[in-house]
Amino acid sequence: SLPAALLSKTRFSVPPLGVDVFDGHLHGLVLAEAEFTADDEAQSFVPP
């Protein structure tokens, strides 16, 4: 019941990425977030 702004997106898991596809006023925006368990994994990651 608290007032809040709405952020609508769908998250897809494409390891090591979480890919967010936005709806509403952000329609068309796609952000990918990479998560790693070790520094060497992060350093060797090549984005698509």
All heavy atoms as atom14 arrays in JSON, in Angstrom:
{
  "sequence": "SLPAALLSKTRFSVPPLGVDVFDGHLHGLVLAEAEFTADDEAQSFVPP",
  "atom14_mask": [
    [1, 1, 1, 1, 1, 1, 0, 0, 0, 0, 0, 0, 0, 0],
    [1, 1, 1, 1, 1, 1, 1, 1, 0, 0, 0, 0, 0, 0],
    [1, 1, 1, 1, 1, 1, 1, 0, 0, 0, 0, 0, 0, 0],
    [1, 1, 1, 1, 1, 0, 0, 0, 0, 0, 0, 0, 0, 0],
    [1, 1, 1, 1, 1, 0, 0, 0, 0, 0, 0, 0, 0, 0],
    [1, 1, 1, 1, 1, 1, 1, 1, 0, 0, 0, 0, 0, 0],
    [1, 1, 1, 1, 1, 1, 1, 1, 0, 0, 0, 0, 0, 0],
    [1, 1, 1, 1, 1, 1, 0, 0, 0, 0, 0, 0, 0, 0],
    [1, 1, 1, 1, 1, 1, 1, 1, 1, 0, 0, 0, 0, 0],
    [1, 1, 1, 1, 1, 1, 1, 0, 0, 0, 0, 0, 0, 0],
    [1, 1, 1, 1, 1, 1, 1, 1, 1, 1, 1, 0, 0, 0],
    [1, 1, 1, 1, 1, 1, 1, 1, 1, 1, 1, 0, 0, 0],
    [1, 1, 1, 1, 1, 1, 0, 0, 0, 0, 0, 0, 0, 0],
    [1, 1, 1, 1, 1, 1, 1, 0, 0, 0, 0, 0, 0, 0],
    [1, 1, 1, 1, 1, 1, 1, 0, 0, 0, 0, 0, 0, 0],
    [1, 1, 1, 1, 1, 1, 1, 0, 0, 0, 0, 0, 0, 0],
    [1, 1, 1, 1, 1, 1, 1, 1, 0, 0, 0, 0, 0, 0],
    [1, 1, 1, 1, 0, 0, 0, 0, 0, 0, 0, 0, 0, 0],
    [1, 1, 1, 1, 1, 1, 1, 0, 0, 0, 0, 0, 0, 0],
    [1, 1, 1, 1, 1, 1, 1, 1, 0, 0, 0, 0, 0, 0],
    [1, 1, 1, 1, 1, 1, 1, 0, 0, 0, 0, 0, 0, 0],
    [1, 1, 1, 1, 1, 1, 1, 1, 1, 1, 1, 0, 0, 0],
    [1, 1, 1, 1, 1, 1, 1, 1, 0, 0, 0, 0, 0, 0],
    [1, 1, 1, 1, 0, 0, 0, 0, 0, 0, 0, 0, 0, 0],
    [1, 1, 1, 1, 1, 1, 1, 1, 1, 1, 0, 0, 0, 0],
    [1, 1, 1, 1, 1, 1, 1, 1, 0, 0, 0, 0, 0, 0],
    [1, 1, 1, 1, 1, 1, 1, 1, 1, 1, 0, 0, 0, 0],
    [1, 1, 1, 1, 0, 0, 0, 0, 0, 0, 0, 0, 0, 0],
    [1, 1, 1, 1, 1, 1, 1, 1, 0, 0, 0, 0, 0, 0],
    [1, 1, 1, 1, 1, 1, 1, 0, 0, 0, 0, 0, 0, 0],
    [1, 1, 1, 1, 1, 1, 1, 1, 0, 0, 0, 0, 0, 0],
    [1, 1, 1, 1, 1, 0, 0, 0, 0, 0, 0, 0, 0, 0],
    [1, 1, 1, 1, 1, 1, 1, 1, 1, 0, 0, 0, 0, 0],
    [1, 1, 1, 1, 1, 0, 0, 0, 0, 0, 0, 0, 0, 0],
    [1, 1, 1, 1, 1, 1, 1, 1, 1, 0, 0, 0, 0, 0],
    [1, 1, 1, 1, 1, 1, 1, 1, 1, 1, 1, 0, 0, 0],
    [1, 1, 1, 1, 1, 1, 1, 0, 0, 0, 0, 0, 0, 0],
    [1, 1, 1, 1, 1, 0, 0, 0, 0, 0, 0, 0, 0, 0],
    [1, 1, 1, 1, 1, 1, 1, 1, 0, 0, 0, 0, 0, 0],
    [1, 1, 1, 1, 1, 1, 1, 1, 0, 0, 0, 0, 0, 0],
    [1, 1, 1, 1, 1, 1, 1, 1, 1, 0, 0, 0, 0, 0],
    [1, 1, 1, 1, 1, 0, 0, 0, 0, 0, 0, 0, 0, 0],
    [1, 1, 1, 1, 1, 1, 1, 1, 1, 0, 0, 0, 0, 0],
    [1, 1, 1, 1, 1, 1, 0, 0, 0, 0, 0, 0, 0, 0],
    [1, 1, 1, 1, 1, 1, 1, 1, 1, 1, 1, 0, 0, 0],
    [1, 1, 1, 1, 1, 1, 1, 0, 0, 0, 0, 0, 0, 0],
    [1, 1, 1, 1, 1, 1, 1, 0, 0, 0, 0, 0, 0, 0],
    [1, 1, 1, 1, 1, 1, 1, 0, 0, 0, 0, 0, 0, 0]
  ],
  "atom14_positions": [
    [[0.82, -1.21, 0.0], [0.0, 0.0, 0.0], [0.85, 1.27, 0.0], [0.32, 2.37, -0.16], [-0.94, 0.01, 1.21], [-0.19, 0.1, 2.41], [0.0, 0.0, 0.0], [0.0, 0.0, 0.0], [0.0, 0.0, 0.0], [0.0, 0.0, 0.0], [0.0, 0.0, 0.0], [0.0, 0.0, 0.0], [0.0, 0.0, 0.0], [0.0, 0.0, 0.0]],
    [[2.16, 1.14, 0.16], [3.04, 2.31, 0.17], [3.22, 2.85, -1.25], [3.25, 2.08, -2.21], [4.4, 1.94, 0.76], [4.41, 1.5, 2.22], [5.8, 1.01, 2.61], [3.97, 2.63, 3.12], [0.0, 0.0, 0.0], [0.0, 0.0, 0.0], [0.0, 0.0, 0.0], [0.0, 0.0, 0.0], [0.0, 0.0, 0.0], [0.0, 0.0, 0.0]],
    [[3.36, 4.17, -1.38], [3.58, 4.73, -2.72], [4.95, 4.32, -3.25], [5.92, 4.24, -2.51], [3.52, 6.25, -2.48], [3.8, 6.43, -1.03], [3.34, 5.19, -0.33], [0.0, 0.0, 0.0], [0.0, 0.0, 0.0], [0.0, 0.0, 0.0], [0.0, 0.0, 0.0], [0.0, 0.0, 0.0], [0.0, 0.0, 0.0], [0.0, 0.0, 0.0]],
    [[4.99, 4.03, -4.54], [6.25, 3.61, -5.15], [6.21, 3.86, -6.64], [5.15, 3.9, -7.24], [6.49, 2.12, -4.88], [0.0, 0.0, 0.0], [0.0, 0.0, 0.0], [0.0, 0.0, 0.0], [0.0, 0.0, 0.0], [0.0, 0.0, 0.0], [0.0, 0.0, 0.0], [0.0, 0.0, 0.0], [0.0, 0.0, 0.0], [0.0, 0.0, 0.0]],
    [[7.36, 4.02, -7.22], [7.48, 4.11, -8.66], [7.65, 2.68, -9.19], [8.21, 1.83, -8.51], [8.67, 4.97, -9.04], [0.0, 0.0, 0.0], [0.0, 0.0, 0.0], [0.0, 0.0, 0.0], [0.0, 0.0, 0.0], [0.0, 0.0, 0.0], [0.0, 0.0, 0.0], [0.0, 0.0, 0.0], [0.0, 0.0, 0.0], [0.0, 0.0, 0.0]],
    [[7.18, 2.44, -10.39], [7.21, 1.1, -10.95], [8.29, 1.0, -12.03], [8.36, 1.84, -12.94], [5.85, 0.75, -11.55], [5.72, -0.61, -12.2], [5.91, -1.72, -11.17], [4.36, -0.74, -12.85], [0.0, 0.0, 0.0], [0.0, 0.0, 0.0], [0.0, 0.0, 0.0], [0.0, 0.0, 0.0], [0.0, 0.0, 0.0], [0.0, 0.0, 0.0]],
    [[9.11, 0.0, -11.91], [10.12, -0.31, -12.92], [9.79, -1.71, -13.42], [9.85, -2.67, -12.65], [11.52, -0.27, -12.3], [12.7, -0.44, -13.24], [12.74, 0.69, -14.26], [13.99, -0.47, -12.46], [0.0, 0.0, 0.0], [0.0, 0.0, 0.0], [0.0, 0.0, 0.0], [0.0, 0.0, 0.0], [0.0, 0.0, 0.0], [0.0, 0.0, 0.0]],
    [[9.41, -1.81, -14.68], [8.96, -3.08, -15.22], [10.01, -3.64, -16.17], [10.42, -2.98, -17.13], [7.63, -2.88, -15.96], [7.18, -4.1, -16.5], [0.0, 0.0, 0.0], [0.0, 0.0, 0.0], [0.0, 0.0, 0.0], [0.0, 0.0, 0.0], [0.0, 0.0, 0.0], [0.0, 0.0, 0.0], [0.0, 0.0, 0.0], [0.0, 0.0, 0.0]],
    [[10.43, -4.88, -15.89], [11.43, -5.52, -16.72], [11.29, -7.03, -16.58], [10.71, -7.53, -15.63], [12.84, -5.09, -16.31], [13.23, -5.53, -14.9], [14.61, -5.03, -14.52], [14.97, -5.5, -13.12], [16.3, -5.04, -12.73], [0.0, 0.0, 0.0], [0.0, 0.0, 0.0], [0.0, 0.0, 0.0], [0.0, 0.0, 0.0], [0.0, 0.0, 0.0]],
    [[11.85, -7.72, -17.56], [11.93, -9.17, -17.51], [13.4, -9.53, -17.47], [14.19, -8.99, -18.24], [11.28, -9.8, -18.77], [9.92, -9.38, -18.83], [11.34, -11.31, -18.71], [0.0, 0.0, 0.0], [0.0, 0.0, 0.0], [0.0, 0.0, 0.0], [0.0, 0.0, 0.0], [0.0, 0.0, 0.0], [0.0, 0.0, 0.0], [0.0, 0.0, 0.0]],
    [[13.77, -10.41, -16.54], [15.17, -10.81, -16.42], [15.33, -12.21, -17.01], [14.59, -13.13, -16.7], [15.64, -10.82, -14.98], [17.06, -11.4, -14.88], [17.77, -11.03, -13.64], [18.3, -9.69, -13.79], [19.33, -9.23, -13.11], [19.95, -10.01, -12.24], [19.76, -8.0, -13.28], [0.0, 0.0, 0.0], [0.0, 0.0, 0.0], [0.0, 0.0, 0.0]],
    [[16.35, -12.31, -17.86], [16.72, -13.59, -18.45], [18.09, -13.98, -17.92], [18.97, -13.14, -17.78], [16.78, -13.49, -19.98], [15.45, -13.15, -20.61], [15.12, -11.83, -20.88], [14.54, -14.14, -20.9], [13.9, -11.51, -21.45], [13.31, -13.83, -21.46], [12.99, -12.51, -21.75], [0.0, 0.0, 0.0], [0.0, 0.0, 0.0], [0.0, 0.0, 0.0]],
    [[18.25, -15.26, -17.64], [19.54, -15.76, -17.17], [20.28, -16.38, -18.35], [19.82, -17.35, -18.95], [19.34, -16.8, -16.07], [20.58, -17.3, -15.65], [0.0, 0.0, 0.0], [0.0, 0.0, 0.0], [0.0, 0.0, 0.0], [0.0, 0.0, 0.0], [0.0, 0.0, 0.0], [0.0, 0.0, 0.0], [0.0, 0.0, 0.0], [0.0, 0.0, 0.0]],
    [[21.4, -15.76, -18.69], [22.27, -16.24, -19.76], [23.68, -16.24, -19.16], [24.45, -15.32, -19.39], [22.2, -15.31, -21.0], [22.99, -15.89, -22.16], [20.76, -15.04, -21.4], [0.0, 0.0, 0.0], [0.0, 0.0, 0.0], [0.0, 0.0, 0.0], [0.0, 0.0, 0.0], [0.0, 0.0, 0.0], [0.0, 0.0, 0.0], [0.0, 0.0, 0.0]],
    [[23.98, -17.23, -18.31], [25.23, -17.22, -17.55], [26.45, -16.89, -18.41], [26.55, -17.4, -19.52], [25.32, -18.63, -16.98], [23.88, -19.08, -16.9], [23.21, -18.45, -18.09], [0.0, 0.0, 0.0], [0.0, 0.0, 0.0], [0.0, 0.0, 0.0], [0.0, 0.0, 0.0], [0.0, 0.0, 0.0], [0.0, 0.0, 0.0], [0.0, 0.0, 0.0]],
    [[27.3, -16.04, -17.89], [27.3, -15.43, -16.57], [26.49, -14.14, -16.5], [26.62, -13.37, -15.56], [28.78, -15.13, -16.34], [29.28, -14.75, -17.69], [28.53, -15.66, -18.64], [0.0, 0.0, 0.0], [0.0, 0.0, 0.0], [0.0, 0.0, 0.0], [0.0, 0.0, 0.0], [0.0, 0.0, 0.0], [0.0, 0.0, 0.0], [0.0, 0.0, 0.0]],
    [[25.62, -13.91, -17.48], [24.87, -12.66, -17.52], [23.44, -12.82, -17.01], [22.8, -13.84, -17.23], [24.8, -12.12, -18.96], [26.12, -11.83, -19.65], [25.88, -11.46, -21.1], [26.86, -10.73, -18.93], [0.0, 0.0, 0.0], [0.0, 0.0, 0.0], [0.0, 0.0, 0.0], [0.0, 0.0, 0.0], [0.0, 0.0, 0.0], [0.0, 0.0, 0.0]],
    [[22.97, -11.76, -16.37], [21.56, -11.56, -16.12], [21.16, -10.45, -17.07], [21.77, -9.37, -17.04], [0.0, 0.0, 0.0], [0.0, 0.0, 0.0], [0.0, 0.0, 0.0], [0.0, 0.0, 0.0], [0.0, 0.0, 0.0], [0.0, 0.0, 0.0], [0.0, 0.0, 0.0], [0.0, 0.0, 0.0], [0.0, 0.0, 0.0], [0.0, 0.0, 0.0]],
    [[20.22, -10.7, -17.95], [19.84, -9.73, -18.97], [18.46, -9.18, -18.65], [17.49, -9.94, -18.58], [19.86, -10.37, -20.38], [19.46, -9.36, -21.44], [21.23, -10.96, -20.68], [0.0, 0.0, 0.0], [0.0, 0.0, 0.0], [0.0, 0.0, 0.0], [0.0, 0.0, 0.0], [0.0, 0.0, 0.0], [0.0, 0.0, 0.0], [0.0, 0.0, 0.0]],
    [[18.38, -7.86, -18.46], [17.11, -7.2, -18.15], [16.58, -6.51, -19.4], [17.27, -5.69, -20.01], [17.3, -6.14, -17.05], [17.65, -6.76, -15.71], [17.27, -7.93, -15.48], [18.27, -6.08, -14.89], [0.0, 0.0, 0.0], [0.0, 0.0, 0.0], [0.0, 0.0, 0.0], [0.0, 0.0, 0.0], [0.0, 0.0, 0.0], [0.0, 0.0, 0.0]],
    [[15.35, -6.85, -19.77], [14.66, -6.25, -20.91], [13.52, -5.41, -20.32], [12.61, -5.95, -19.69], [14.12, -7.32, -21.88], [13.38, -6.67, -23.04], [15.26, -8.2, -22.38], [0.0, 0.0, 0.0], [0.0, 0.0, 0.0], [0.0, 0.0, 0.0], [0.0, 0.0, 0.0], [0.0, 0.0, 0.0], [0.0, 0.0, 0.0], [0.0, 0.0, 0.0]],
    [[13.61, -4.1, -20.51], [12.7, -3.17, -19.85], [11.42, -2.95, -20.65], [11.41, -3.02, -21.88], [13.4, -1.84, -19.61], [14.47, -1.94, -18.55], [15.73, -2.4, -18.86], [14.19, -1.58, -17.24], [16.71, -2.51, -17.88], [15.16, -1.69, -16.25], [16.42, -2.16, -16.58], [0.0, 0.0, 0.0], [0.0, 0.0, 0.0], [0.0, 0.0, 0.0]],
    [[10.35, -2.65, -19.92], [9.04, -2.34, -20.48], [8.69, -0.88, -20.14], [9.48, -0.18, -19.51], [7.97, -3.25, -19.87], [8.21, -4.72, -20.16], [8.54, -5.05, -21.31], [8.06, -5.53, -19.24], [0.0, 0.0, 0.0], [0.0, 0.0, 0.0], [0.0, 0.0, 0.0], [0.0, 0.0, 0.0], [0.0, 0.0, 0.0], [0.0, 0.0, 0.0]],
    [[7.5, -0.49, -20.51], [7.0, 0.84, -20.15], [7.82, 1.94, -20.8], [8.25, 1.82, -21.95], [0.0, 0.0, 0.0], [0.0, 0.0, 0.0], [0.0, 0.0, 0.0], [0.0, 0.0, 0.0], [0.0, 0.0, 0.0], [0.0, 0.0, 0.0], [0.0, 0.0, 0.0], [0.0, 0.0, 0.0], [0.0, 0.0, 0.0], [0.0, 0.0, 0.0]],
    [[8.07, 3.02, -20.05], [8.78, 4.17, -20.61], [10.24, 3.86, -20.94], [10.89, 4.62, -21.64], [8.68, 5.38, -19.67], [9.48, 5.26, -18.41], [9.13, 4.42, -17.37], [10.62, 5.87, -18.04], [10.02, 4.52, -16.42], [10.94, 5.4, -16.78], [0.0, 0.0, 0.0], [0.0, 0.0, 0.0], [0.0, 0.0, 0.0], [0.0, 0.0, 0.0]],
    [[10.74, 2.71, -20.48], [12.1, 2.3, -20.79], [12.14, 1.21, -21.86], [13.17, 0.6, -22.1], [12.8, 1.78, -19.52], [12.92, 2.79, -18.37], [13.54, 2.12, -17.16], [13.7, 4.01, -18.79], [0.0, 0.0, 0.0], [0.0, 0.0, 0.0], [0.0, 0.0, 0.0], [0.0, 0.0, 0.0], [0.0, 0.0, 0.0], [0.0, 0.0, 0.0]],
    [[11.0, 1.01, -22.53], [10.88, -0.02, -23.57], [12.03, 0.1, -24.57], [12.33, 1.19, -25.05], [9.55, 0.1, -24.3], [9.42, -0.84, -25.45], [9.15, -2.17, -25.28], [9.58, -0.65, -26.77], [9.13, -2.75, -26.45], [9.38, -1.86, -27.39], [0.0, 0.0, 0.0], [0.0, 0.0, 0.0], [0.0, 0.0, 0.0], [0.0, 0.0, 0.0]],
    [[12.68, -1.01, -24.83], [13.79, -1.03, -25.77], [15.16, -1.04, -25.09], [16.15, -1.4, -25.7], [0.0, 0.0, 0.0], [0.0, 0.0, 0.0], [0.0, 0.0, 0.0], [0.0, 0.0, 0.0], [0.0, 0.0, 0.0], [0.0, 0.0, 0.0], [0.0, 0.0, 0.0], [0.0, 0.0, 0.0], [0.0, 0.0, 0.0], [0.0, 0.0, 0.0]],
    [[15.19, -0.66, -23.81], [16.45, -0.69, -23.07], [16.72, -2.12, -22.62], [15.86, -2.78, -22.05], [16.39, 0.23, -21.85], [17.63, 0.26, -20.95], [18.84, 0.81, -21.72], [17.37, 1.1, -19.71], [0.0, 0.0, 0.0], [0.0, 0.0, 0.0], [0.0, 0.0, 0.0], [0.0, 0.0, 0.0], [0.0, 0.0, 0.0], [0.0, 0.0, 0.0]],
    [[17.92, -2.57, -22.88], [18.36, -3.91, -22.46], [19.69, -3.73, -21.74], [20.63, -3.18, -22.31], [18.51, -4.86, -23.66], [19.01, -6.23, -23.19], [17.21, -5.0, -24.43], [0.0, 0.0, 0.0], [0.0, 0.0, 0.0], [0.0, 0.0, 0.0], [0.0, 0.0, 0.0], [0.0, 0.0, 0.0], [0.0, 0.0, 0.0], [0.0, 0.0, 0.0]],
    [[19.75, -4.18, -20.49], [20.98, -4.11, -19.72], [21.39, -5.52, -19.32], [20.55, -6.34, -18.95], [20.79, -3.28, -18.45], [20.49, -1.8, -18.63], [20.27, -1.14, -17.27], [21.63, -1.11, -19.36], [0.0, 0.0, 0.0], [0.0, 0.0, 0.0], [0.0, 0.0, 0.0], [0.0, 0.0, 0.0], [0.0, 0.0, 0.0], [0.0, 0.0, 0.0]],
    [[22.67, -5.79, -19.39], [23.2, -7.09, -18.97], [24.16, -6.87, -17.83], [24.97, -5.94, -17.84], [23.9, -7.78, -20.13], [0.0, 0.0, 0.0], [0.0, 0.0, 0.0], [0.0, 0.0, 0.0], [0.0, 0.0, 0.0], [0.0, 0.0, 0.0], [0.0, 0.0, 0.0], [0.0, 0.0, 0.0], [0.0, 0.0, 0.0], [0.0, 0.0, 0.0]],
    [[24.06, -7.72, -16.85], [24.92, -7.65, -15.67], [25.65, -8.98, -15.53], [25.02, -10.04, -15.54], [24.06, -7.39, -14.43], [24.8, -7.39, -13.14], [23.85, -7.15, -11.96], [22.68, -6.81, -12.16], [24.32, -7.32, -10.83], [0.0, 0.0, 0.0], [0.0, 0.0, 0.0], [0.0, 0.0, 0.0], [0.0, 0.0, 0.0], [0.0, 0.0, 0.0]],
    [[26.96, -8.91, -15.43], [27.75, -10.13, -15.29], [28.13, -10.33, -13.83], [28.46, -9.38, -13.14], [29.0, -10.06, -16.16], [0.0, 0.0, 0.0], [0.0, 0.0, 0.0], [0.0, 0.0, 0.0], [0.0, 0.0, 0.0], [0.0, 0.0, 0.0], [0.0, 0.0, 0.0], [0.0, 0.0, 0.0], [0.0, 0.0, 0.0], [0.0, 0.0, 0.0]],
    [[28.07, -11.57, -13.39], [28.48, -11.91, -12.03], [29.45, -13.07, -12.09], [29.26, -14.03, -12.84], [27.26, -12.26, -11.18], [26.34, -11.08, -10.97], [25.23, -11.37, -9.96], [25.31, -12.4, -9.26], [24.31, -10.56, -9.9], [0.0, 0.0, 0.0], [0.0, 0.0, 0.0], [0.0, 0.0, 0.0], [0.0, 0.0, 0.0], [0.0, 0.0, 0.0]],
    [[30.48, -12.97, -11.27], [31.53, -13.99, -11.27], [31.85, -14.38, -9.84], [31.68, -13.6, -8.91], [32.79, -13.44, -11.95], [32.54, -12.92, -13.33], [32.35, -11.57, -13.55], [32.46, -13.79, -14.41], [32.11, -11.08, -14.82], [32.21, -13.31, -15.68], [32.04, -11.95, -15.89], [0.0, 0.0, 0.0], [0.0, 0.0, 0.0], [0.0, 0.0, 0.0]],
    [[32.37, -15.6, -9.68], [32.75, -16.07, -8.35], [34.23, -15.86, -8.08], [34.66, -15.99, -6.94], [32.4, -17.56, -8.18], [33.04, -18.3, -9.22], [30.9, -17.77, -8.25], [0.0, 0.0, 0.0], [0.0, 0.0, 0.0], [0.0, 0.0, 0.0], [0.0, 0.0, 0.0], [0.0, 0.0, 0.0], [0.0, 0.0, 0.0], [0.0, 0.0, 0.0]],
    [[34.99, -15.52, -9.12], [36.43, -15.32, -8.94], [36.9, -14.17, -9.83], [36.36, -13.93, -10.91], [37.18, -16.59, -9.3], [0.0, 0.0, 0.0], [0.0, 0.0, 0.0], [0.0, 0.0, 0.0], [0.0, 0.0, 0.0], [0.0, 0.0, 0.0], [0.0, 0.0, 0.0], [0.0, 0.0, 0.0], [0.0, 0.0, 0.0], [0.0, 0.0, 0.0]],
    [[37.93, -13.47, -9.36], [38.48, -12.34, -10.11], [38.98, -12.75, -11.49], [38.8, -12.0, -12.46], [39.61, -11.67, -9.33], [39.12, -10.89, -8.12], [37.9, -10.59, -8.06], [39.95, -10.58, -7.26], [0.0, 0.0, 0.0], [0.0, 0.0, 0.0], [0.0, 0.0, 0.0], [0.0, 0.0, 0.0], [0.0, 0.0, 0.0], [0.0, 0.0, 0.0]],
    [[39.61, -13.91, -11.59], [40.14, -14.32, -12.89], [39.03, -14.55, -13.91], [39.21, -14.31, -15.1], [41.04, -15.55, -12.77], [40.32, -16.77, -12.22], [39.41, -16.62, -11.39], [40.69, -17.9, -12.63], [0.0, 0.0, 0.0], [0.0, 0.0, 0.0], [0.0, 0.0, 0.0], [0.0, 0.0, 0.0], [0.0, 0.0, 0.0], [0.0, 0.0, 0.0]],
    [[37.86, -15.0, -13.45], [36.71, -15.16, -14.35], [36.29, -13.8, -14.89], [36.03, -13.65, -16.09], [35.52, -15.79, -13.62], [35.69, -17.24, -13.25], [34.51, -17.75, -12.45], [33.51, -17.02, -12.29], [34.58, -18.9, -12.0], [0.0, 0.0, 0.0], [0.0, 0.0, 0.0], [0.0, 0.0, 0.0], [0.0, 0.0, 0.0], [0.0, 0.0, 0.0]],
    [[36.23, -12.81, -14.02], [35.83, -11.46, -14.43], [36.84, -10.87, -15.4], [36.47, -10.26, -16.4], [35.68, -10.56, -13.21], [0.0, 0.0, 0.0], [0.0, 0.0, 0.0], [0.0, 0.0, 0.0], [0.0, 0.0, 0.0], [0.0, 0.0, 0.0], [0.0, 0.0, 0.0], [0.0, 0.0, 0.0], [0.0, 0.0, 0.0], [0.0, 0.0, 0.0]],
    [[38.12, -11.07, -15.13], [39.17, -10.49, -15.98], [39.23, -11.14, -17.35], [39.61, -10.5, -18.33], [40.52, -10.59, -15.27], [40.58, -9.7, -14.05], [41.81, -9.95, -13.2], [42.58, -10.87, -13.44], [41.98, -9.12, -12.18], [0.0, 0.0, 0.0], [0.0, 0.0, 0.0], [0.0, 0.0, 0.0], [0.0, 0.0, 0.0], [0.0, 0.0, 0.0]],
    [[38.84, -12.39, -17.46], [38.9, -13.08, -18.74], [37.58, -12.99, -19.52], [37.51, -13.45, -20.66], [39.28, -14.55, -18.55], [38.27, -15.23, -17.82], [0.0, 0.0, 0.0], [0.0, 0.0, 0.0], [0.0, 0.0, 0.0], [0.0, 0.0, 0.0], [0.0, 0.0, 0.0], [0.0, 0.0, 0.0], [0.0, 0.0, 0.0], [0.0, 0.0, 0.0]],
    [[36.57, -12.38, -18.92], [35.27, -12.28, -19.58], [35.33, -11.35, -20.79], [35.84, -10.22, -20.7], [34.22, -11.76, -18.59], [32.87, -11.55, -19.21], [32.1, -12.62, -19.63], [32.36, -10.27, -19.37], [30.85, -12.43, -20.19], [31.12, -10.06, -19.92], [30.36, -11.15, -20.34], [0.0, 0.0, 0.0], [0.0, 0.0, 0.0], [0.0, 0.0, 0.0]],
    [[34.83, -11.82, -21.9], [34.71, -11.0, -23.11], [33.21, -10.83, -23.37], [32.5, -11.81, -23.61], [35.39, -11.69, -24.32], [35.18, -10.86, -25.58], [36.86, -11.92, -24.04], [0.0, 0.0, 0.0], [0.0, 0.0, 0.0], [0.0, 0.0, 0.0], [0.0, 0.0, 0.0], [0.0, 0.0, 0.0], [0.0, 0.0, 0.0], [0.0, 0.0, 0.0]],
    [[32.71, -9.59, -23.3], [31.28, -9.37, -23.51], [30.87, -9.78, -24.93], [31.65, -9.65, -25.87], [31.11, -7.85, -23.34], [32.33, -7.4, -22.64], [33.42, -8.36, -23.0], [0.0, 0.0, 0.0], [0.0, 0.0, 0.0], [0.0, 0.0, 0.0], [0.0, 0.0, 0.0], [0.0, 0.0, 0.0], [0.0, 0.0, 0.0], [0.0, 0.0, 0.0]],
    [[29.65, -10.27, -25.08], [29.16, -10.61, -26.42], [29.14, -9.36, -27.31], [29.04, -8.24, -26.83], [27.72, -11.09, -26.16], [27.65, -11.4, -24.71], [28.67, -10.55, -24.03], [0.0, 0.0, 0.0], [0.0, 0.0, 0.0], [0.0, 0.0, 0.0], [0.0, 0.0, 0.0], [0.0, 0.0, 0.0], [0.0, 0.0, 0.0], [0.0, 0.0, 0.0]]
  ]
}
